[in-house]
Amino acid sequence: MNLLRSALLSLMATSSLTVFAASSSDQNARGATVFAENGCLHCHTIRNQGGTKGPDLSGVGRRLSEAQIRSQILQGGRQMPSFADILQQSETEDLVAYLRSCRDKGDKEK
């Protein structure tokens, strides 16, 4: 009985990790869509695709926290407009998750 219980607990832990990974992956995919559909690529580059007016965001997930990324998106700054009135909260969270997943090395900031 203890062996069965251990196996069941192990299986439950593994499946919850898989669900978390899948939902995280789904959120990143939705965030990439938000990035593309809201014109972010006009100014920003990710992995050698996009514009050069704003900073290369290929490694932004290594440089900035979730709060910093969210603040930049919602408040704007420098030449970037605020997206607080444009994005829904769920879109903002998906976009933040996507940008946090951008952790490439060797990116160049402007």
N, C-alpha and C. Protein backbone atom coordinates (compact mmCIF):
# COMPACT_ATOMS: atom_id res chain seq x y z
N MET A 1 0.82 -1.19 0.00
CA MET A 1 0.00 0.00 0.00
C MET A 1 0.87 1.26 0.00
N ASN A 2 1.94 1.28 0.81
CA ASN A 2 2.83 2.43 0.84
C ASN A 2 3.52 2.64 -0.50
N LEU A 3 3.88 1.55 -1.16
CA LEU A 3 4.51 1.63 -2.47
C LEU A 3 3.54 2.24 -3.49
N LEU A 4 2.29 1.81 -3.43
CA LEU A 4 1.27 2.35 -4.32
C LEU A 4 1.05 3.83 -4.05
N ARG A 5 0.99 4.21 -2.79
CA ARG A 5 0.81 5.61 -2.41
C ARG A 5 1.99 6.46 -2.91
N SER A 6 3.21 5.96 -2.75
CA SER A 6 4.40 6.69 -3.23
C SER A 6 4.37 6.86 -4.74
N ALA A 7 3.98 5.81 -5.43
CA ALA A 7 3.91 5.88 -6.90
C ALA A 7 2.85 6.90 -7.33
N LEU A 8 1.71 6.89 -6.65
CA LEU A 8 0.64 7.82 -6.98
C LEU A 8 1.07 9.27 -6.72
N LEU A 9 1.70 9.52 -5.58
CA LEU A 9 2.18 10.87 -5.27
C LEU A 9 3.23 11.33 -6.27
N SER A 10 4.11 10.43 -6.67
CA SER A 10 5.13 10.76 -7.65
C SER A 10 4.50 11.11 -8.99
N LEU A 11 3.51 10.34 -9.40
CA LEU A 11 2.81 10.59 -10.65
C LEU A 11 2.08 11.94 -10.61
N MET A 12 1.44 12.25 -9.47
CA MET A 12 0.73 13.52 -9.34
C MET A 12 1.69 14.69 -9.40
N ALA A 13 2.85 14.58 -8.78
CA ALA A 13 3.83 15.65 -8.81
C ALA A 13 4.35 15.87 -10.22
N THR A 14 4.62 14.80 -10.94
CA THR A 14 5.11 14.89 -12.31
C THR A 14 4.05 15.51 -13.21
N SER A 15 2.79 15.10 -13.09
CA SER A 15 1.76 15.66 -13.96
C SER A 15 1.49 17.11 -13.65
N SER A 16 1.60 17.54 -12.40
CA SER A 16 1.38 18.95 -12.10
C SER A 16 2.51 19.79 -12.68
N LEU A 17 3.74 19.26 -12.70
CA LEU A 17 4.85 19.98 -13.33
C LEU A 17 4.62 20.08 -14.83
N THR A 18 4.12 19.03 -15.44
CA THR A 18 3.85 19.04 -16.88
C THR A 18 2.77 20.05 -17.20
N VAL A 19 1.71 20.11 -16.39
CA VAL A 19 0.64 21.09 -16.60
C VAL A 19 1.19 22.49 -16.46
N PHE A 20 2.03 22.74 -15.45
CA PHE A 20 2.63 24.05 -15.26
C PHE A 20 3.48 24.42 -16.47
N ALA A 21 4.30 23.49 -16.96
CA ALA A 21 5.14 23.77 -18.12
C ALA A 21 4.29 24.06 -19.34
N ALA A 22 3.22 23.32 -19.52
CA ALA A 22 2.35 23.54 -20.67
C ALA A 22 1.67 24.90 -20.56
N SER A 23 1.17 25.25 -19.38
CA SER A 23 0.49 26.53 -19.24
C SER A 23 1.47 27.68 -19.38
N SER A 24 2.69 27.52 -18.90
CA SER A 24 3.73 28.53 -19.06
C SER A 24 4.06 28.71 -20.54
N SER A 25 4.17 27.60 -21.25
CA SER A 25 4.44 27.64 -22.68
C SER A 25 3.29 28.30 -23.43
N ASP A 26 2.06 27.99 -23.05
CA ASP A 26 0.89 28.61 -23.67
C ASP A 26 0.88 30.12 -23.42
N GLN A 27 1.21 30.52 -22.21
CA GLN A 27 1.23 31.94 -21.87
C GLN A 27 2.30 32.65 -22.68
N ASN A 28 3.46 32.04 -22.84
CA ASN A 28 4.52 32.64 -23.65
C ASN A 28 4.08 32.78 -25.10
N ALA A 29 3.39 31.79 -25.63
CA ALA A 29 2.90 31.85 -27.01
C ALA A 29 1.87 32.98 -27.16
N ARG A 30 0.97 33.10 -26.19
CA ARG A 30 -0.01 34.20 -26.24
C ARG A 30 0.70 35.54 -26.15
N GLY A 31 1.74 35.62 -25.31
CA GLY A 31 2.51 36.86 -25.18
C GLY A 31 3.23 37.23 -26.46
N ALA A 32 3.76 36.23 -27.17
CA ALA A 32 4.41 36.49 -28.46
C ALA A 32 3.40 37.04 -29.46
N THR A 33 2.17 36.54 -29.40
CA THR A 33 1.10 37.04 -30.27
C THR A 33 0.77 38.48 -29.92
N VAL A 34 0.65 38.79 -28.64
CA VAL A 34 0.39 40.17 -28.19
C VAL A 34 1.50 41.08 -28.69
N PHE A 35 2.75 40.64 -28.57
CA PHE A 35 3.91 41.40 -29.02
C PHE A 35 3.79 41.72 -30.51
N ALA A 36 3.46 40.72 -31.30
CA ALA A 36 3.36 40.90 -32.75
C ALA A 36 2.14 41.75 -33.14
N GLU A 37 1.00 41.49 -32.52
CA GLU A 37 -0.24 42.16 -32.91
C GLU A 37 -0.33 43.62 -32.47
N ASN A 38 0.51 44.02 -31.52
CA ASN A 38 0.46 45.40 -31.03
C ASN A 38 1.60 46.25 -31.55
N GLY A 39 2.27 45.77 -32.57
CA GLY A 39 3.28 46.56 -33.25
C GLY A 39 4.61 46.69 -32.55
N CYS A 40 4.86 45.86 -31.56
CA CYS A 40 6.12 45.95 -30.81
C CYS A 40 7.34 45.73 -31.73
N LEU A 41 7.14 44.88 -32.74
CA LEU A 41 8.25 44.59 -33.67
C LEU A 41 8.62 45.78 -34.55
N HIS A 42 7.77 46.79 -34.61
CA HIS A 42 8.13 47.99 -35.39
C HIS A 42 9.33 48.68 -34.76
N CYS A 43 9.44 48.61 -33.44
CA CYS A 43 10.52 49.30 -32.74
C CYS A 43 11.55 48.37 -32.12
N HIS A 44 11.13 47.18 -31.70
CA HIS A 44 12.00 46.28 -30.96
C HIS A 44 12.39 45.05 -31.77
N THR A 45 13.60 44.60 -31.54
CA THR A 45 14.12 43.37 -32.15
C THR A 45 14.13 42.28 -31.09
N ILE A 46 13.73 41.08 -31.50
CA ILE A 46 13.92 39.88 -30.70
C ILE A 46 14.47 38.83 -31.64
N ARG A 47 15.62 38.29 -31.28
CA ARG A 47 16.28 37.25 -32.07
C ARG A 47 16.41 37.64 -33.54
N ASN A 48 16.97 38.82 -33.76
CA ASN A 48 17.29 39.33 -35.10
C ASN A 48 16.08 39.63 -35.97
N GLN A 49 14.90 39.78 -35.37
CA GLN A 49 13.72 40.15 -36.14
C GLN A 49 13.07 41.36 -35.49
N GLY A 50 12.77 42.36 -36.30
CA GLY A 50 12.08 43.53 -35.80
C GLY A 50 12.82 44.80 -36.10
N GLY A 51 12.35 45.88 -35.49
CA GLY A 51 12.89 47.21 -35.73
C GLY A 51 14.07 47.54 -34.84
N THR A 52 14.63 48.70 -35.10
CA THR A 52 15.84 49.12 -34.37
C THR A 52 15.65 50.44 -33.62
N LYS A 53 14.43 50.99 -33.62
CA LYS A 53 14.18 52.25 -32.92
C LYS A 53 14.29 52.08 -31.41
N GLY A 54 13.80 50.96 -30.89
CA GLY A 54 13.86 50.68 -29.46
C GLY A 54 14.94 49.65 -29.17
N PRO A 55 15.14 49.33 -27.91
CA PRO A 55 16.18 48.36 -27.55
C PRO A 55 15.88 46.94 -28.05
N ASP A 56 16.94 46.20 -28.29
CA ASP A 56 16.85 44.76 -28.61
C ASP A 56 16.37 44.07 -27.33
N LEU A 57 15.29 43.32 -27.43
CA LEU A 57 14.71 42.67 -26.25
C LEU A 57 15.05 41.19 -26.17
N SER A 58 16.02 40.75 -26.93
CA SER A 58 16.37 39.32 -26.95
C SER A 58 16.76 38.78 -25.58
N GLY A 59 17.37 39.60 -24.75
CA GLY A 59 17.80 39.15 -23.43
C GLY A 59 17.14 39.90 -22.29
N VAL A 60 16.01 40.53 -22.55
CA VAL A 60 15.36 41.36 -21.53
C VAL A 60 14.98 40.55 -20.29
N GLY A 61 14.67 39.27 -20.47
CA GLY A 61 14.29 38.43 -19.35
C GLY A 61 15.42 38.17 -18.37
N ARG A 62 16.66 38.38 -18.81
CA ARG A 62 17.80 38.26 -17.90
C ARG A 62 18.09 39.57 -17.20
N ARG A 63 17.73 40.68 -17.84
CA ARG A 63 18.10 42.00 -17.33
C ARG A 63 17.06 42.62 -16.41
N LEU A 64 15.78 42.39 -16.70
CA LEU A 64 14.72 43.07 -15.96
C LEU A 64 13.81 42.08 -15.25
N SER A 65 13.28 42.50 -14.12
CA SER A 65 12.32 41.69 -13.37
C SER A 65 10.94 41.80 -14.03
N GLU A 66 10.01 40.96 -13.58
CA GLU A 66 8.64 41.04 -14.07
C GLU A 66 8.06 42.43 -13.82
N ALA A 67 8.29 42.95 -12.63
CA ALA A 67 7.74 44.26 -12.27
C ALA A 67 8.31 45.37 -13.16
N GLN A 68 9.59 45.30 -13.47
CA GLN A 68 10.21 46.30 -14.33
C GLN A 68 9.65 46.23 -15.75
N ILE A 69 9.49 45.02 -16.26
CA ILE A 69 8.93 44.85 -17.61
C ILE A 69 7.49 45.35 -17.64
N ARG A 70 6.70 44.96 -16.67
CA ARG A 70 5.30 45.38 -16.59
C ARG A 70 5.20 46.91 -16.53
N SER A 71 6.02 47.52 -15.70
CA SER A 71 6.02 48.98 -15.56
C SER A 71 6.35 49.66 -16.88
N GLN A 72 7.34 49.16 -17.59
CA GLN A 72 7.72 49.75 -18.88
C GLN A 72 6.58 49.65 -19.89
N ILE A 73 5.92 48.49 -19.91
CA ILE A 73 4.81 48.30 -20.85
C ILE A 73 3.66 49.25 -20.51
N LEU A 74 3.30 49.32 -19.25
CA LEU A 74 2.12 50.10 -18.85
C LEU A 74 2.37 51.60 -18.80
N GLN A 75 3.58 52.00 -18.40
CA GLN A 75 3.86 53.43 -18.25
C GLN A 75 4.60 54.02 -19.44
N GLY A 76 5.26 53.17 -20.21
CA GLY A 76 6.07 53.68 -21.31
C GLY A 76 7.28 54.40 -20.77
N GLY A 77 7.82 55.28 -21.55
CA GLY A 77 8.98 56.05 -21.12
C GLY A 77 9.95 56.20 -22.27
N ARG A 78 10.81 57.20 -22.14
CA ARG A 78 11.70 57.57 -23.25
C ARG A 78 10.84 57.77 -24.48
N GLN A 79 11.05 57.01 -25.53
CA GLN A 79 10.23 57.18 -26.74
C GLN A 79 9.10 56.16 -26.84
N MET A 80 9.00 55.28 -25.85
CA MET A 80 7.97 54.23 -25.90
C MET A 80 6.66 54.75 -25.32
N PRO A 81 5.56 54.54 -26.06
CA PRO A 81 4.26 54.97 -25.52
C PRO A 81 3.77 54.01 -24.43
N SER A 82 2.85 54.49 -23.63
CA SER A 82 2.19 53.66 -22.63
C SER A 82 1.18 52.75 -23.32
N PHE A 83 1.11 51.51 -22.85
CA PHE A 83 0.13 50.57 -23.38
C PHE A 83 -0.94 50.24 -22.35
N ALA A 84 -1.02 51.03 -21.28
CA ALA A 84 -1.99 50.79 -20.20
C ALA A 84 -3.43 50.84 -20.69
N ASP A 85 -3.71 51.72 -21.63
CA ASP A 85 -5.08 51.86 -22.14
C ASP A 85 -5.33 51.00 -23.37
N ILE A 86 -4.33 50.29 -23.81
CA ILE A 86 -4.44 49.48 -25.02
C ILE A 86 -4.58 48.00 -24.70
N LEU A 87 -3.78 47.52 -23.75
CA LEU A 87 -3.77 46.09 -23.42
C LEU A 87 -4.69 45.76 -22.27
N GLN A 88 -5.35 44.62 -22.37
CA GLN A 88 -6.11 44.10 -21.23
C GLN A 88 -5.11 43.52 -20.24
N GLN A 89 -5.52 43.34 -18.99
CA GLN A 89 -4.62 42.82 -17.97
C GLN A 89 -4.05 41.46 -18.35
N SER A 90 -4.89 40.58 -18.89
CA SER A 90 -4.42 39.24 -19.28
C SER A 90 -3.39 39.34 -20.41
N GLU A 91 -3.57 40.28 -21.32
CA GLU A 91 -2.59 40.47 -22.40
C GLU A 91 -1.27 40.98 -21.84
N THR A 92 -1.36 41.88 -20.88
CA THR A 92 -0.14 42.40 -20.25
C THR A 92 0.61 41.28 -19.56
N GLU A 93 -0.10 40.44 -18.81
CA GLU A 93 0.55 39.33 -18.10
C GLU A 93 1.18 38.33 -19.08
N ASP A 94 0.49 38.05 -20.18
CA ASP A 94 1.05 37.16 -21.20
C ASP A 94 2.29 37.78 -21.83
N LEU A 95 2.23 39.08 -22.11
CA LEU A 95 3.38 39.76 -22.71
C LEU A 95 4.57 39.78 -21.75
N VAL A 96 4.31 40.03 -20.48
CA VAL A 96 5.38 40.01 -19.48
C VAL A 96 6.01 38.61 -19.42
N ALA A 97 5.19 37.58 -19.40
CA ALA A 97 5.71 36.20 -19.37
C ALA A 97 6.57 35.92 -20.59
N TYR A 98 6.10 36.34 -21.75
CA TYR A 98 6.87 36.14 -22.98
C TYR A 98 8.21 36.86 -22.91
N LEU A 99 8.19 38.12 -22.51
CA LEU A 99 9.44 38.89 -22.45
C LEU A 99 10.38 38.33 -21.39
N ARG A 100 9.84 37.82 -20.29
CA ARG A 100 10.70 37.19 -19.27
C ARG A 100 11.34 35.92 -19.82
N SER A 101 10.70 35.29 -20.80
CA SER A 101 11.27 34.08 -21.40
C SER A 101 12.37 34.40 -22.40
N CYS A 102 12.49 35.67 -22.78
CA CYS A 102 13.54 36.10 -23.72
C CYS A 102 14.82 36.30 -22.92
N ARG A 103 15.69 35.30 -22.96
CA ARG A 103 16.87 35.31 -22.12
C ARG A 103 18.15 35.08 -22.91
N ASP A 104 18.12 35.38 -24.22
CA ASP A 104 19.28 35.17 -25.07
C ASP A 104 20.46 35.98 -24.57
N LYS A 105 21.65 35.44 -24.76
CA LYS A 105 22.88 36.16 -24.41
C LYS A 105 23.36 36.93 -25.64
N GLY A 106 24.17 37.92 -25.39
CA GLY A 106 24.81 38.63 -26.48
C GLY A 106 23.92 39.68 -27.13
N ASP A 107 22.82 40.05 -26.50
CA ASP A 107 21.98 41.08 -27.08
C ASP A 107 22.61 42.44 -26.82
N LYS A 108 22.20 43.41 -27.61
CA LYS A 108 22.74 44.77 -27.48
C LYS A 108 21.63 45.71 -27.09
N GLU A 109 21.86 46.49 -26.05
CA GLU A 109 20.88 47.50 -25.64
C GLU A 109 21.17 48.79 -26.36
N LYS A 110 20.13 49.56 -26.57
CA LYS A 110 20.30 50.88 -27.17
C LYS A 110 20.09 51.93 -26.12
